[in-house]
């Protein structure tokens, strides 16, 4: 060193200076982490959707039988509520209704449908023994309750979460 000249002081490196050197690596790690998180999240969502589709496909034969049962119940309930209980056709429908009520409904139907069916059967018992049997207005509450219970059961089983599909569903009790 030469005399009289002072060496230029080298400032100490600060944390920010060190961070500037490693900034590209930090950004790369953060981006890679975000990409991995996004891929895993999307993959999990896709697997969940596939599992739900498989479950629905596995349940589909049962659901189709349940839907056919509900349709037949509604088709029988209307005429049973309004037709003459003394007619042969009414008796035939009542017999089929009872067959469904004792065989298929306990196995396939929803609990709320079963309760509405019990109420409807009570109405039919009263109607077949009542003097007011020809007035169809007496069964509209029970018939409507059965139909509403069936509709609600169909909504619960075929569309577990309608909001997920963007479908507006009116609440049914």
Protein backbone atom coordinates (compact mmCIF):
# COMPACT_ATOMS: atom_id res chain seq x y z
CA UNK A 1 0.00 0.00 0.00
CA UNK A 2 1.04 3.46 -0.61
CA UNK A 3 1.39 5.89 2.16
CA UNK A 4 -1.15 8.62 2.53
CA UNK A 5 -3.82 6.81 0.69
CA UNK A 6 -6.56 5.23 2.60
CA UNK A 7 -8.02 2.02 1.32
CA UNK A 8 -11.60 2.24 0.13
CA UNK A 9 -13.73 0.71 2.80
CA UNK A 10 -15.84 -2.19 1.62
CA UNK A 11 -19.29 -1.96 3.17
CA UNK A 12 -20.58 -5.04 4.87
CA UNK A 13 -23.19 -6.97 3.01
CA UNK A 14 -26.66 -6.57 4.39
CA UNK A 15 -29.45 -9.11 4.42
CA UNK A 16 -31.11 -7.32 1.51
CA UNK A 17 -27.94 -7.56 -0.53
CA UNK A 18 -27.81 -11.30 0.08
CA UNK A 19 -31.49 -11.60 -0.77
CA UNK A 20 -30.88 -9.87 -4.12
CA UNK A 21 -28.37 -12.56 -5.01
CA UNK A 22 -30.79 -15.37 -4.17
CA UNK A 23 -33.96 -13.68 -5.43
CA UNK A 24 -34.24 -15.73 -8.64
CA UNK A 25 -33.96 -18.95 -6.62
CA UNK A 26 -36.56 -17.80 -4.09
CA UNK A 27 -38.99 -16.85 -6.86
CA UNK A 28 -38.39 -20.19 -8.59
CA UNK A 29 -39.09 -22.14 -5.40
CA UNK A 30 -42.25 -20.14 -4.68
CA UNK A 31 -43.55 -20.59 -8.24
CA UNK A 32 -42.76 -24.32 -8.18
CA UNK A 33 -44.53 -24.67 -4.83
CA UNK A 34 -47.58 -22.80 -6.09
CA UNK A 35 -47.68 -24.91 -9.27
CA UNK A 36 -47.42 -28.13 -7.25
CA UNK A 37 -50.15 -27.00 -4.83
CA UNK A 38 -52.45 -26.04 -7.73
CA UNK A 39 -51.87 -29.35 -9.52
CA UNK A 40 -52.49 -31.40 -6.36
CA UNK A 41 -55.64 -29.41 -5.56
CA UNK A 42 -57.02 -29.81 -9.09
CA UNK A 43 -56.10 -33.49 -9.11
CA UNK A 44 -57.90 -34.06 -5.81
CA UNK A 45 -61.00 -32.26 -7.13
CA UNK A 46 -60.95 -34.38 -10.28
CA UNK A 47 -60.56 -37.60 -8.27
CA UNK A 48 -63.47 -36.55 -6.03
CA UNK A 49 -65.68 -35.89 -9.07
CA UNK A 50 -64.72 -39.26 -10.56
CA UNK A 51 -65.54 -40.99 -7.26
CA UNK A 52 -68.94 -39.28 -7.13
CA UNK A 53 -69.64 -40.32 -10.73
CA UNK A 54 -68.67 -43.93 -9.93
CA UNK A 55 -70.88 -43.92 -6.84
CA UNK A 56 -73.81 -42.55 -8.83
CA UNK A 57 -73.30 -45.16 -11.55
CA UNK A 58 -73.16 -47.91 -8.92
CA UNK A 59 -76.41 -46.64 -7.35
CA UNK A 60 -78.14 -46.02 -10.68
CA UNK A 61 -80.01 -49.37 -10.94
CA UNK A 62 -81.43 -48.87 -7.44
CA UNK A 63 -82.34 -45.26 -8.19
CA UNK A 64 -84.06 -46.23 -11.43
CA UNK A 65 -86.17 -48.85 -9.62
CA UNK A 66 -86.98 -46.29 -6.93
CA UNK A 67 -88.00 -43.74 -9.56
CA UNK A 68 -90.24 -46.30 -11.31
CA UNK A 69 -91.85 -47.15 -7.95
CA UNK A 70 -92.49 -43.49 -7.18
CA UNK A 71 -94.02 -42.97 -10.61
CA UNK A 72 -96.33 -45.94 -10.18
CA UNK A 73 -97.37 -44.78 -6.71
CA UNK A 74 -98.32 -41.36 -8.04
CA UNK A 75 -100.16 -42.92 -10.98
CA UNK A 76 -102.21 -45.02 -8.55
CA UNK A 77 -102.76 -42.31 -5.93
CA UNK A 78 -104.59 -39.88 -8.20
CA UNK A 79 -107.39 -42.21 -9.32
CA UNK A 80 -107.65 -43.77 -5.85
CA UNK A 81 -108.31 -40.33 -4.41
CA UNK A 82 -111.09 -39.39 -6.83
CA UNK A 83 -112.69 -42.53 -8.29
CA UNK A 84 -115.61 -44.42 -6.78
CA UNK A 85 -114.34 -46.90 -4.17
CA UNK A 86 -117.06 -49.38 -5.13
CA UNK A 87 -115.85 -49.77 -8.72
CA UNK A 88 -113.84 -52.81 -9.77
CA UNK A 89 -111.14 -50.60 -11.25
CA UNK A 90 -110.72 -48.77 -7.91
CA UNK A 91 -110.46 -52.10 -6.07
CA UNK A 92 -107.88 -53.33 -8.56
CA UNK A 93 -105.81 -50.16 -8.15
CA UNK A 94 -106.13 -50.36 -4.37
CA UNK A 95 -104.88 -53.95 -4.45
CA UNK A 96 -101.84 -52.92 -6.52
CA UNK A 97 -101.26 -49.95 -4.21
CA UNK A 98 -101.27 -52.27 -1.19
CA UNK A 99 -98.88 -54.66 -2.93
CA UNK A 100 -96.45 -51.83 -3.47
CA UNK A 101 -96.95 -50.50 0.05
CA UNK A 102 -96.09 -53.82 1.66
CA UNK A 103 -93.40 -55.12 -0.69
CA UNK A 104 -91.55 -52.46 -2.64
CA UNK A 105 -91.96 -49.31 -0.56
CA UNK A 106 -90.22 -50.63 2.57
CA UNK A 107 -87.22 -51.64 0.48
CA UNK A 108 -86.96 -48.76 -1.98
CA UNK A 109 -88.71 -45.72 -0.58
CA UNK A 110 -87.45 -42.82 1.43
CA UNK A 111 -88.60 -42.53 5.07
CA UNK A 112 -90.66 -39.41 4.37
CA UNK A 113 -92.34 -41.11 1.42
CA UNK A 114 -93.18 -44.07 3.64
CA UNK A 115 -94.78 -41.75 6.23
CA UNK A 116 -96.81 -39.95 3.54
CA UNK A 117 -97.85 -43.33 2.17
CA UNK A 118 -99.11 -44.40 5.61
CA UNK A 119 -101.20 -41.22 5.81
CA UNK A 120 -102.56 -41.83 2.31
CA UNK A 121 -103.44 -45.42 3.18
CA UNK A 122 -105.33 -44.17 6.25
CA UNK A 123 -107.24 -41.80 3.98
CA UNK A 124 -108.05 -44.68 1.61
CA UNK A 125 -109.30 -46.79 4.53
CA UNK A 126 -111.58 -43.97 5.66
CA UNK A 127 -112.69 -43.30 2.09
CA UNK A 128 -113.66 -46.90 1.39
CA UNK A 129 -115.74 -47.09 4.56
CA UNK A 130 -117.09 -43.52 4.67
CA UNK A 131 -120.45 -42.23 3.51
CA UNK A 132 -118.67 -39.30 1.81
CA UNK A 133 -116.60 -41.55 -0.40
CA UNK A 134 -117.62 -39.95 -3.70
CA UNK A 135 -116.37 -36.47 -2.82
CA UNK A 136 -112.84 -36.22 -4.30
CA UNK A 137 -111.99 -33.09 -2.27
CA UNK A 138 -111.44 -35.13 0.88
CA UNK A 139 -108.16 -36.65 -0.33
CA UNK A 140 -106.43 -33.72 -1.89
CA UNK A 141 -104.26 -33.01 1.18
CA UNK A 142 -103.07 -36.60 1.51
CA UNK A 143 -102.53 -37.02 -2.23
CA UNK A 144 -100.62 -33.77 -2.44
CA UNK A 145 -98.51 -34.69 0.62
CA UNK A 146 -97.60 -38.02 -0.95
CA UNK A 147 -96.67 -36.37 -4.25
CA UNK A 148 -94.58 -33.72 -2.45
CA UNK A 149 -92.77 -36.35 -0.38
CA UNK A 150 -91.98 -38.27 -3.56
CA UNK A 151 -90.75 -35.12 -5.31
CA UNK A 152 -88.53 -34.24 -2.36
CA UNK A 153 -87.11 -37.77 -2.26
CA UNK A 154 -86.31 -37.62 -5.96
CA UNK A 155 -84.54 -34.29 -5.48
CA UNK A 156 -82.50 -35.68 -2.59
CA UNK A 157 -81.44 -38.86 -4.37
CA UNK A 158 -80.95 -37.75 -7.95
CA UNK A 159 -79.48 -34.32 -7.20
CA UNK A 160 -77.67 -34.54 -3.86
CA UNK A 161 -76.53 -30.92 -4.07
CA UNK A 162 -78.49 -29.05 -6.77
CA UNK A 163 -76.66 -25.79 -6.01
CA UNK A 164 -73.44 -27.47 -7.17
CA UNK A 165 -75.05 -27.83 -10.60
CA UNK A 166 -76.54 -24.33 -10.60
CA UNK A 167 -80.11 -25.55 -10.24
CA UNK A 168 -82.58 -23.55 -8.17
CA UNK A 169 -84.65 -25.91 -6.04
CA UNK A 170 -87.61 -24.81 -4.02
CA UNK A 171 -87.57 -26.29 -0.51
CA UNK A 172 -90.06 -29.06 0.15
CA UNK A 173 -90.88 -30.23 3.63
